[in-house]
Protein backbone atom coordinates (compact mmCIF):
# COMPACT_ATOMS: atom_id res chain seq x y z
CA MET A 1 0.00 0.00 0.00
CA THR A 2 1.24 3.48 -0.85
CA SER A 3 2.09 5.34 2.35
CA LEU A 4 3.10 8.87 3.33
CA LEU A 5 4.78 10.00 6.56
CA HIS A 6 4.23 13.76 6.94
CA LEU A 7 6.41 15.66 9.42
CA ASP A 8 6.09 19.36 10.26
CA SER A 9 8.63 21.14 12.46
CA SER A 10 7.66 24.82 12.33
CA ALA A 11 6.85 26.51 15.62
CA ASP A 12 4.53 28.93 13.79
CA ARG A 13 0.79 28.47 13.64
CA PRO A 14 -0.41 26.79 10.41
CA GLY A 15 -1.69 30.05 8.94
CA ASP A 16 1.61 31.82 9.62
CA SER A 17 3.94 29.04 8.48
CA VAL A 18 5.00 28.81 4.85
CA SER A 19 6.50 25.35 5.31
CA ARG A 20 3.25 24.07 6.86
CA ARG A 21 1.17 25.48 4.01
CA LEU A 22 3.41 23.84 1.45
CA THR A 23 3.46 20.43 3.13
CA ALA A 24 -0.33 20.65 3.53
CA LEU A 25 -0.65 21.24 -0.21
CA PHE A 26 1.46 18.16 -0.89
CA ALA A 27 -0.50 16.05 1.62
CA ASP A 28 -3.89 17.19 0.30
CA THR A 29 -2.87 16.39 -3.27
CA TRP A 30 -1.48 13.02 -2.22
CA ARG A 31 -4.61 12.04 -0.28
CA GLU A 32 -6.82 12.92 -3.22
CA LEU A 33 -4.89 10.38 -5.27
CA TYR A 34 -4.24 7.63 -2.73
CA GLY A 35 -6.76 8.08 0.08
CA THR A 36 -6.14 8.43 3.80
CA ALA A 37 -5.37 4.85 4.84
CA GLY A 38 -1.62 5.15 4.26
CA TYR A 39 -1.26 8.68 5.64
CA ARG A 40 0.56 9.35 8.93
CA TYR A 41 1.15 12.82 10.38
CA ARG A 42 3.43 14.09 13.13
CA ASP A 43 3.62 17.67 14.30
CA LEU A 44 7.07 17.72 15.85
CA ALA A 45 6.60 21.21 17.28
CA ALA A 46 3.19 20.68 18.90
CA ASP A 47 4.02 17.14 20.08
CA PRO A 48 7.81 17.12 20.51
CA VAL A 49 9.86 13.96 20.37
CA PRO A 50 11.82 13.72 23.65
CA PHE A 51 15.55 14.15 23.29
CA PRO A 52 17.47 10.90 23.85
CA ALA A 53 18.37 10.28 27.48
CA PRO A 54 21.55 8.54 28.71
CA ALA A 55 19.71 5.20 28.76
CA TYR A 56 19.12 5.54 25.00
CA CYS A 57 22.87 5.75 24.46
CA VAL A 58 23.56 2.81 26.78
CA LEU A 59 21.06 0.64 24.94
CA GLY A 60 22.35 1.75 21.55
CA ARG A 61 25.92 0.84 22.42
CA ARG A 62 24.80 -2.55 23.71
CA VAL A 63 23.03 -3.19 20.40
CA GLU A 64 26.13 -2.14 18.48
CA ARG A 65 28.27 -4.58 20.45
CA GLN A 66 25.91 -7.36 19.34
CA GLY A 67 26.74 -6.56 15.74
CA LEU A 68 23.46 -4.66 15.24
CA VAL A 69 20.11 -6.39 15.51
CA PRO A 70 16.69 -5.84 13.90
CA PRO A 71 14.30 -3.52 15.77
CA GLY A 72 12.09 -6.48 16.64
CA GLU A 73 14.89 -7.99 18.72
CA VAL A 74 16.04 -4.89 20.58
CA ALA A 75 13.52 -5.33 23.41
CA GLY A 76 15.35 -8.52 24.40
CA LEU A 77 18.49 -6.49 25.06
CA VAL A 78 16.84 -3.86 27.27
CA GLY A 79 18.52 -3.75 30.65
CA ASP A 80 16.32 -1.67 32.95
CA ALA A 81 13.20 0.51 33.18
CA ASP A 82 14.96 3.60 31.80
CA GLU A 83 16.15 1.72 28.74
CA LYS A 84 12.68 0.22 28.29
CA ARG A 85 11.15 3.70 28.28
CA GLU A 86 13.70 4.99 25.77
CA TRP A 87 13.03 2.09 23.43
CA GLU A 88 9.26 2.49 23.76
CA LEU A 89 9.67 6.12 22.70
CA THR A 90 11.91 5.15 19.79
CA LEU A 91 10.32 2.07 18.21
CA PRO A 92 7.11 3.78 16.96
CA LEU A 93 9.21 6.39 15.12
CA VAL A 94 11.42 3.73 13.55
CA THR A 95 8.36 1.70 12.54
CA GLU A 96 6.69 4.72 10.92
CA LEU A 97 9.77 5.59 8.91
CA LEU A 98 10.29 2.02 7.73
CA ALA A 99 6.63 1.78 6.66
CA ALA A 100 6.64 4.97 4.57
CA ASP A 101 7.04 4.95 0.81
CA THR A 102 7.35 8.75 0.91
CA VAL A 103 8.55 10.95 3.77
CA LEU A 104 7.50 14.61 3.60
CA VAL A 105 9.42 16.99 5.88
CA GLY A 106 8.52 20.64 6.45
CA VAL A 107 11.59 22.57 7.59
CA PRO A 108 11.71 26.30 8.32
CA MET A 109 15.18 27.78 8.53
CA TYR A 110 16.06 28.67 12.11
CA ASN A 111 19.43 30.36 12.58
CA PHE A 112 20.65 29.01 9.23
CA SER A 113 19.81 25.40 10.13
CA ILE A 114 16.88 23.17 11.13
CA PRO A 115 14.52 23.45 14.13
CA ALA A 116 15.47 21.64 17.32
CA ALA A 117 12.15 19.78 17.09
CA LEU A 118 13.29 18.08 13.87
CA LYS A 119 16.76 17.42 15.26
CA ALA A 120 15.19 15.64 18.25
CA TRP A 121 13.29 13.34 15.86
CA ILE A 122 16.48 12.68 13.89
CA ASP A 123 18.52 11.91 16.99
CA ARG A 124 15.93 9.49 18.34
CA VAL A 125 14.86 7.70 15.17
CA THR A 126 18.46 7.04 14.06
CA PHE A 127 18.93 4.04 16.32
CA PRO A 128 21.88 1.74 15.54
CA GLY A 129 21.02 -0.83 12.91
CA ALA A 130 17.34 0.10 12.68
CA PHE A 131 17.44 0.73 8.93
CA THR A 132 19.87 -1.97 7.84
CA ASP A 133 18.85 -5.23 6.20
CA HIS A 134 20.67 -7.70 8.41
CA GLU A 135 20.87 -10.31 5.67
CA THR A 136 22.29 -8.13 2.91
CA GLY A 137 23.75 -5.21 4.85
CA GLU A 138 21.91 -2.78 2.55
CA SER A 139 19.76 0.11 3.68
CA LEU A 140 16.04 -0.58 4.10
CA LEU A 141 15.42 3.02 3.02
CA ARG A 142 17.08 2.72 -0.37
CA GLY A 143 13.72 2.91 -2.14
CA THR A 144 12.13 5.48 0.16
CA ARG A 145 11.39 8.87 -1.37
CA VAL A 146 12.12 11.88 0.87
CA VAL A 147 10.67 15.30 0.00
CA VAL A 148 12.12 18.15 2.07
CA VAL A 149 10.26 21.47 1.95
CA THR A 150 12.13 24.45 3.37
CA ALA A 151 11.03 28.01 4.11
CA ARG A 152 13.68 30.69 4.37
CA GLY A 153 13.30 34.33 5.34
CA GLY A 154 16.16 35.27 3.01
CA ALA A 155 17.79 33.89 -0.13
CA TYR A 156 20.37 31.12 0.17
CA GLY A 157 20.39 29.53 -3.28
CA PRO A 158 23.39 29.08 -5.57
CA GLY A 159 25.04 32.37 -6.40
CA THR A 160 23.42 34.37 -3.62
CA PRO A 161 25.59 36.27 -1.10
CA ARG A 162 24.41 33.95 1.68
CA GLU A 163 24.78 30.65 -0.15
CA ALA A 164 27.43 29.54 2.36
CA PHE A 165 25.03 30.22 5.25
CA ASP A 166 22.73 27.37 4.20
CA PHE A 167 23.12 24.59 6.76
CA GLN A 168 19.68 23.15 5.99
CA GLU A 169 19.99 21.36 2.68
CA PRO A 170 23.63 20.22 3.05
CA TYR A 171 22.91 18.76 6.48
CA LEU A 172 19.65 17.01 5.53
CA ARG A 173 21.06 15.79 2.21
CA THR A 174 24.01 14.27 4.07
CA TYR A 175 21.81 12.85 6.83
CA PHE A 176 19.27 11.09 4.61
CA GLY A 177 21.98 10.00 2.19
CA ASN A 178 23.97 8.43 5.00
CA LEU A 179 20.79 6.72 6.17
CA GLY A 180 20.66 5.04 2.78
CA VAL A 181 18.11 7.09 0.86
CA ALA A 182 19.13 7.04 -2.81
CA GLU A 183 20.17 10.40 -4.23
CA GLU A 184 17.54 10.16 -6.96
CA ASN A 185 14.85 9.72 -4.29
CA LEU A 186 15.84 12.82 -2.31
CA CYS A 187 13.99 15.99 -3.35
CA PHE A 188 14.40 19.53 -1.98
CA VAL A 189 11.93 22.37 -2.55
CA HIS A 190 12.78 25.84 -1.23
CA ALA A 191 10.52 28.84 -0.65
CA GLU A 192 12.80 31.84 -0.15
CA MET A 193 12.45 35.47 0.94
CA THR A 194 9.41 34.50 3.02
CA MET A 195 9.91 37.52 5.31
CA ALA A 196 9.72 40.03 2.46
CA ASP A 197 6.11 40.94 3.25
CA ARG A 198 6.84 41.38 6.97
CA LEU A 199 10.13 43.26 7.23
CA PRO A 200 10.43 46.74 5.71
CA GLU A 201 14.08 46.20 4.80
CA LEU A 202 13.10 43.21 2.64
CA ALA A 203 10.04 44.78 0.99
CA ARG A 204 11.87 45.23 -2.31
CA PHE A 205 12.11 41.43 -2.59
CA GLN A 206 8.36 40.76 -2.48
CA GLU A 207 8.20 39.91 -6.17
CA MET A 208 11.06 37.45 -5.74
CA ALA A 209 9.29 35.91 -2.75
CA ALA A 210 6.02 35.53 -4.64
CA LYS A 211 7.78 33.85 -7.55
CA SER A 212 9.66 31.48 -5.22
CA LEU A 213 6.44 30.52 -3.43
CA THR A 214 4.58 29.90 -6.68
CA THR A 215 7.41 27.69 -7.92
CA ALA A 216 7.39 25.76 -4.65
CA GLN A 217 3.62 25.27 -4.80
CA THR A 218 3.88 23.91 -8.34
CA SER A 219 6.64 21.54 -7.22
CA MET A 220 4.46 20.32 -4.35
CA THR A 221 1.56 19.31 -6.55
CA THR A 222 3.89 17.77 -9.14
CA LEU A 223 5.84 15.71 -6.62
CA ALA A 224 2.69 14.61 -4.76
CA SER A 225 1.22 13.37 -8.03
CA ALA A 226 4.35 11.51 -9.13
């Protein structure tokens, strides 16, 4: 069954968040085509994933010493109540990611990088061996499509003065690539100059912002229909 895991990480309200509006457009288009049965949503800002505790690290290292084991066998290696709690917080996230054919991630730029809410999800879901086929050694996410939608108050694309300030796309491209997502399955869509209608000093860029948003909206419907 076709399935979509939709993650939002903006701290803004839906009406104020460009990244939320764009991911909602993708999700609405996708559900019109495939229905709601395979759709799963997480609002990482409204319902934060707890940051890993020391017991998470202890359990992870124990799993690594075993040569990495499938998620279904990790519970047998849990040593105490703290580790049990950490694994119970982690397993549902791992299961959701493994079950998704497409992962949609809404990412506003905060201080040139990603929100802490998304980083907490990344740090918890990336449990040792969780996404490795233990028979072949290959990534279980090789065929997973990941669509990352960013919203940026300024312009950070190639050739812009602040191109080197972009720690969103390089980080997420490296992260998902290292997790095993194939390069051809990793898509980035950027809406830039999103603060042009709010800040007087950026008002001259409103046309650029409108064009960037329109392009992003078109990409959303195209990618959701693919």
